Protein backbone atom coordinates (compact mmCIF):
# COMPACT_ATOMS: atom_id res chain seq x y z
CA MET A 1 -9.14 6.58 0.70
CA PHE A 2 -9.72 3.25 2.46
CA GLY A 3 -13.36 3.84 3.37
CA LYS A 4 -15.27 2.67 6.41
CA ASP A 5 -14.72 -1.07 5.91
CA LEU A 6 -12.12 -2.76 3.68
CA ASP A 7 -14.24 -5.92 3.45
CA ASP A 8 -17.52 -4.27 2.48
CA ILE A 9 -17.56 -3.45 -1.23
CA GLU A 10 -20.40 -0.94 -0.69
CA ASN A 11 -18.58 1.04 2.04
CA CYS A 12 -14.94 0.66 1.05
CA GLY A 13 -12.92 3.52 -0.42
CA ILE A 14 -11.22 3.97 -3.76
CA ILE A 15 -8.05 2.03 -2.86
CA PRO A 16 -9.83 -1.26 -2.01
CA ARG A 17 -12.01 -0.83 -5.11
CA MET A 18 -8.94 -0.45 -7.33
CA ILE A 19 -7.32 -3.50 -5.71
CA ASN A 20 -10.46 -5.48 -6.54
CA THR A 21 -10.36 -4.20 -10.13
CA ILE A 22 -6.68 -5.08 -10.55
CA PHE A 23 -7.17 -8.66 -9.40
CA GLU A 24 -10.31 -9.06 -11.52
CA LEU A 25 -8.35 -7.93 -14.58
CA ILE A 26 -5.54 -10.35 -13.74
CA GLU A 27 -8.02 -13.20 -13.30
CA ASN A 28 -9.65 -12.46 -16.67
CA ALA A 29 -6.38 -11.96 -18.57
CA GLU A 30 -5.14 -14.34 -21.25
CA SER A 31 -3.48 -17.46 -19.81
CA TYR A 32 -0.11 -16.70 -21.43
CA MET A 33 0.19 -13.40 -19.53
CA GLU A 34 2.08 -13.23 -16.22
CA PHE A 35 1.72 -10.59 -13.54
CA THR A 36 3.73 -9.54 -10.50
CA VAL A 37 2.00 -7.53 -7.79
CA LYS A 38 3.83 -6.08 -4.83
CA ILE A 39 2.89 -3.57 -2.18
CA SER A 40 4.73 -1.05 -0.08
CA PHE A 41 3.08 1.24 2.41
CA CYS A 42 4.60 4.40 3.84
CA GLU A 43 3.54 7.50 5.69
CA ILE A 44 4.91 11.01 5.60
CA TYR A 45 4.34 12.57 9.01
CA MET A 46 6.15 15.57 10.48
CA GLU A 47 8.41 15.63 7.38
CA ARG A 48 9.64 12.06 8.00
CA ILE A 49 8.97 9.00 5.87
CA LYS A 50 8.02 5.91 7.88
CA ASP A 51 7.71 2.35 6.55
CA LEU A 52 4.29 1.16 7.73
CA LEU A 53 5.10 -2.49 7.03
CA ASP A 54 8.24 -2.29 9.20
CA PRO A 55 7.77 0.55 11.70
CA THR A 56 11.38 0.26 12.85
CA LYS A 57 12.35 1.94 9.56
CA THR A 58 11.87 5.66 10.04
CA ASN A 59 13.24 8.78 8.40
CA LEU A 60 13.66 7.02 5.03
CA ARG A 61 15.12 8.85 2.06
CA ILE A 62 13.73 9.50 -1.41
CA SER A 63 16.17 8.58 -4.17
CA GLU A 64 16.27 8.49 -7.95
CA ASP A 65 18.15 6.37 -10.47
CA ARG A 66 17.84 5.61 -14.17
CA THR A 67 16.49 2.08 -13.71
CA ARG A 68 14.01 2.45 -10.85
CA GLY A 69 13.11 6.10 -11.28
CA ILE A 70 12.07 7.85 -8.06
CA PHE A 71 11.80 5.51 -5.06
CA ILE A 72 12.08 5.40 -1.28
CA GLN A 73 15.26 3.71 -0.11
CA ASP A 74 14.85 0.67 2.18
CA LEU A 75 11.04 0.70 1.95
CA THR A 76 9.64 -2.79 2.50
CA GLU A 77 8.05 -4.40 -0.57
CA GLU A 78 5.81 -7.47 -0.19
CA TYR A 79 4.79 -9.68 -3.11
CA VAL A 80 1.11 -10.64 -3.07
CA SER A 81 -0.92 -13.15 -5.05
CA SER A 82 -4.48 -12.29 -4.06
CA GLU A 83 -6.75 -9.44 -3.11
CA GLU A 84 -7.20 -10.90 0.38
CA GLU A 85 -3.45 -11.10 0.95
CA LEU A 86 -2.98 -7.49 -0.15
CA LEU A 87 -5.83 -6.25 2.07
CA GLU A 88 -4.34 -8.07 5.07
CA ILE A 89 -1.00 -6.31 4.50
CA MET A 90 -2.88 -3.01 4.23
CA ARG A 91 -4.52 -3.69 7.61
CA ILE A 92 -1.08 -4.24 9.14
CA GLY A 93 0.20 -0.99 7.65
CA GLU A 94 -2.90 0.91 8.71
CA SER A 95 -2.38 -0.22 12.31
CA ASN A 96 1.13 1.29 12.25
CA ARG A 97 0.02 4.77 11.17
CA GLU A 98 0.54 7.83 13.37
CA VAL A 99 -2.79 9.06 14.64
CA GLY A 100 -3.09 12.23 16.63
CA ALA A 101 -5.36 15.17 17.11
CA THR A 102 -4.35 18.56 15.82
CA ASN A 103 -6.04 21.93 15.84
CA MET A 104 -6.89 21.29 12.18
CA ASN A 105 -8.97 18.15 12.96
């Protein structure tokens, strides 16, 4: 999903490409329009939800309410204003992922 290199548009995956597209659309939007972009990053591993932006938050719960819909309780959300800022937060989250070999790999 991320590709080989987040910074290389030729070798990046679908997620960095969509981030680029989102910020291009924002940049080319009418001046009267306002946008808010925020990111959260989690991992489901061994049936537990872990916040990758704050790895001290583990075993988070999925909730639902009428206003927010379905969401993960206590999941960190960071506001971003540029593609570069968002990619840097993704790098931080990526470094907090669980990585291990299994018989399936």
